Amino acid sequence: MNPKEYYYNHFRPQFDEWINKLSSQGFVLGIYRNIPIQFLRKENLSHISPKDNALFYYALSCTVLIDQVMYTYFKKDYSKFEQITRYPKIEYGLSNTYVLPWDISQGVVGLTAFKQFAEFFVANIKQFFTDYKFEIATWKTVKKAMLDDEHVVSSSKGDIFRKALEKIE
């Protein structure tokens, strides 16, 4: 399945089912806030088919990444962004310390699949900032913030993501 088809047709329902499982276990998440990374255990994700597994982790990593970039660099626009996207916050334990996005997909192999997903996601982010107008966050300023952030461009996945960013004007 291609990344666009997965992201638009499968990711959110799979994410919502994961949240419902966590809620049924007694962990009330409200509007998907501050989810401990430990909840990404196999038994909590058993509803995701093996063929979707890597894409789920890649999509979650990238949504967390753009949410963190907006919160860190574009606080003035963050409230509007959050209302539109409702992206999750993933933290280390119950610490209020948010994960580095690539830690989410750390154990997932397949850098070629990640490259394809990153290229789709970067194009998708550009389109998002073309469609939605924010006070200071534009495609150009968001792209620069991501390229300048060591956590975005570090590691093998970060390098792949950086290259995807550099391809799109």
Protein backbone atom coordinates (compact mmCIF):
# COMPACT_ATOMS: atom_id res chain seq x y z
CA MET A 1 0.00 0.00 0.00
CA ASN A 2 1.34 3.43 -0.78
CA PRO A 3 1.94 5.96 2.04
CA LYS A 4 -0.81 8.36 0.92
CA GLU A 5 -3.46 5.64 0.81
CA TYR A 6 -2.35 4.35 4.19
CA TYR A 7 -2.24 7.77 5.84
CA TYR A 8 -5.63 8.94 4.58
CA ASN A 9 -7.54 5.66 4.81
CA HIS A 10 -5.99 3.56 7.56
CA PHE A 11 -3.86 5.53 10.01
CA ARG A 12 -6.54 7.50 11.87
CA PRO A 13 -8.92 4.53 12.33
CA GLN A 14 -6.01 2.38 13.56
CA PHE A 15 -4.87 5.18 15.86
CA ASP A 16 -8.40 5.64 17.21
CA GLU A 17 -8.74 1.90 17.88
CA TRP A 18 -5.44 1.97 19.77
CA ILE A 19 -6.78 4.85 21.89
CA ASN A 20 -10.04 2.94 22.50
CA LYS A 21 -8.06 -0.09 23.69
CA LEU A 22 -6.13 2.06 26.11
CA SER A 23 -9.33 3.66 27.36
CA SER A 24 -10.94 0.26 27.91
CA GLN A 25 -7.91 -0.68 30.04
CA GLY A 26 -8.74 2.23 32.33
CA PHE A 27 -6.36 4.78 30.92
CA VAL A 28 -8.51 7.80 30.04
CA LEU A 29 -6.83 9.89 27.39
CA GLY A 30 -9.27 12.70 26.79
CA ILE A 31 -8.33 14.19 23.45
CA TYR A 32 -5.24 12.00 22.94
CA ARG A 33 -2.88 13.85 25.23
CA ASN A 34 0.32 12.62 26.82
CA ILE A 35 0.34 8.98 25.83
CA PRO A 36 3.27 7.08 27.36
CA ILE A 37 5.47 5.49 24.69
CA GLN A 38 5.23 2.22 26.64
CA PHE A 39 1.64 1.94 25.40
CA LEU A 40 2.97 1.17 21.93
CA ARG A 41 3.22 -2.47 23.02
CA LYS A 42 2.36 -5.28 20.65
CA GLU A 43 -0.80 -6.29 22.55
CA ASN A 44 -2.17 -2.75 22.29
CA LEU A 45 -1.54 -2.71 18.54
CA SER A 46 -2.77 -6.23 17.72
CA HIS A 47 -5.52 -4.76 15.51
CA ILE A 48 -2.92 -3.45 13.05
CA SER A 49 -2.07 -5.92 10.33
CA PRO A 50 1.62 -6.81 9.91
CA LYS A 51 1.64 -5.14 6.48
CA ASP A 52 0.54 -1.83 8.08
CA ASN A 53 2.77 -2.04 11.14
CA ALA A 54 5.74 -0.01 9.83
CA LEU A 55 3.48 2.59 8.24
CA PHE A 56 1.61 3.06 11.52
CA TYR A 57 4.86 3.78 13.36
CA TYR A 58 6.11 6.07 10.57
CA ALA A 59 2.84 8.00 10.50
CA LEU A 60 2.82 8.34 14.27
CA SER A 61 6.46 9.51 14.27
CA CYS A 62 5.81 12.13 11.61
CA THR A 63 2.60 13.47 13.15
CA VAL A 64 4.34 13.79 16.51
CA LEU A 65 7.25 15.51 14.76
CA ILE A 66 5.18 18.22 13.06
CA ASP A 67 3.15 18.76 16.24
CA GLN A 68 6.35 19.28 18.23
CA VAL A 69 7.78 21.63 15.60
CA MET A 70 4.64 23.74 15.67
CA TYR A 71 4.55 23.81 19.47
CA THR A 72 8.26 24.64 19.78
CA TYR A 73 8.69 27.22 17.03
CA PHE A 74 5.23 28.58 16.27
CA LYS A 75 3.46 28.94 19.62
CA LYS A 76 1.37 31.83 18.29
CA ASP A 77 -0.15 29.49 15.68
CA TYR A 78 -0.17 26.32 17.76
CA SER A 79 -3.73 26.60 19.10
CA LYS A 80 -5.17 26.83 15.58
CA PHE A 81 -2.89 24.02 14.37
CA GLU A 82 -3.93 21.79 17.27
CA GLN A 83 -7.63 22.40 16.65
CA ILE A 84 -7.21 21.36 13.01
CA THR A 85 -4.97 18.32 13.49
CA ARG A 86 -5.65 16.90 16.99
CA TYR A 87 -2.27 15.14 16.83
CA PRO A 88 -1.17 13.06 19.82
CA LYS A 89 1.53 13.81 22.36
CA ILE A 90 3.78 10.83 23.12
CA GLU A 91 5.90 11.00 26.24
CA TYR A 92 8.51 8.95 28.06
CA GLY A 93 6.52 7.31 30.86
CA LEU A 94 4.30 9.72 32.76
CA SER A 95 7.00 12.35 32.77
CA ASN A 96 5.67 15.20 30.62
CA THR A 97 8.90 14.78 28.67
CA TYR A 98 7.94 14.29 25.06
CA VAL A 99 9.65 11.63 22.97
CA LEU A 100 11.98 12.39 20.15
CA PRO A 101 9.83 11.52 17.13
CA TRP A 102 12.25 8.99 15.65
CA ASP A 103 12.25 7.06 18.96
CA ILE A 104 8.66 6.04 18.17
CA SER A 105 9.75 4.03 15.12
CA GLN A 106 13.15 3.07 16.50
CA GLY A 107 12.66 -0.68 16.25
CA VAL A 108 11.01 -0.59 12.82
CA VAL A 109 13.24 -1.75 9.99
CA GLY A 110 12.87 -0.73 6.39
CA LEU A 111 14.50 2.57 5.57
CA THR A 112 13.29 2.36 1.96
CA ALA A 113 9.70 2.28 3.19
CA PHE A 114 10.46 5.15 5.55
CA LYS A 115 11.96 7.16 2.66
CA GLN A 116 8.74 6.72 0.68
CA PHE A 117 6.65 7.71 3.70
CA ALA A 118 8.86 10.74 4.47
CA GLU A 119 8.61 11.98 0.88
CA PHE A 120 4.82 11.67 1.00
CA PHE A 121 4.58 13.31 4.43
CA VAL A 122 6.78 16.28 3.53
CA ALA A 123 4.67 16.92 0.41
CA ASN A 124 1.56 16.58 2.56
CA ILE A 125 2.87 19.10 5.11
CA LYS A 126 3.66 21.57 2.32
CA GLN A 127 0.11 21.21 1.00
CA PHE A 128 -1.28 21.65 4.53
CA PHE A 129 0.52 24.97 4.97
CA THR A 130 -0.64 26.04 1.51
CA ASP A 131 -4.27 25.25 2.34
CA TYR A 132 -4.32 26.64 5.89
CA LYS A 133 -3.13 30.14 6.61
CA PHE A 134 -1.39 30.81 9.91
CA GLU A 135 0.01 34.07 11.26
CA ILE A 136 3.69 33.07 11.16
CA ALA A 137 3.84 29.40 10.20
CA THR A 138 4.19 29.05 6.44
CA TRP A 139 5.68 26.19 4.48
CA LYS A 140 8.93 28.15 4.16
CA THR A 141 9.25 28.94 7.89
CA VAL A 142 8.19 25.45 9.00
CA LYS A 143 10.60 23.80 6.58
CA LYS A 144 13.46 25.99 7.84
CA ALA A 145 12.57 25.21 11.48
CA MET A 146 12.65 21.48 10.74
CA LEU A 147 15.95 21.68 8.85
CA ASP A 148 17.51 23.69 11.68
CA ASP A 149 16.28 21.36 14.45
CA GLU A 150 18.89 18.73 15.33
CA HIS A 151 16.21 16.34 16.63
CA VAL A 152 14.42 16.39 13.28
CA VAL A 153 17.48 15.76 11.13
CA SER A 154 19.53 13.51 13.43
CA SER A 155 19.79 9.72 13.03
CA SER A 156 19.31 7.71 9.86
CA LYS A 157 15.58 8.52 9.74
CA GLY A 158 16.32 12.19 10.37
CA ASP A 159 18.77 12.20 7.48
CA ILE A 160 16.16 10.65 5.20
CA PHE A 161 13.60 13.20 6.38
CA ARG A 162 16.07 16.05 5.80
CA LYS A 163 16.65 14.88 2.22
CA ALA A 164 12.88 14.74 1.64
CA LEU A 165 12.59 18.30 2.98
CA GLU A 166 15.39 19.55 0.75
CA LYS A 167 13.72 18.11 -2.37
CA ILE A 168 10.57 20.21 -1.99
CA GLU A 169 10.64 23.96 -2.42
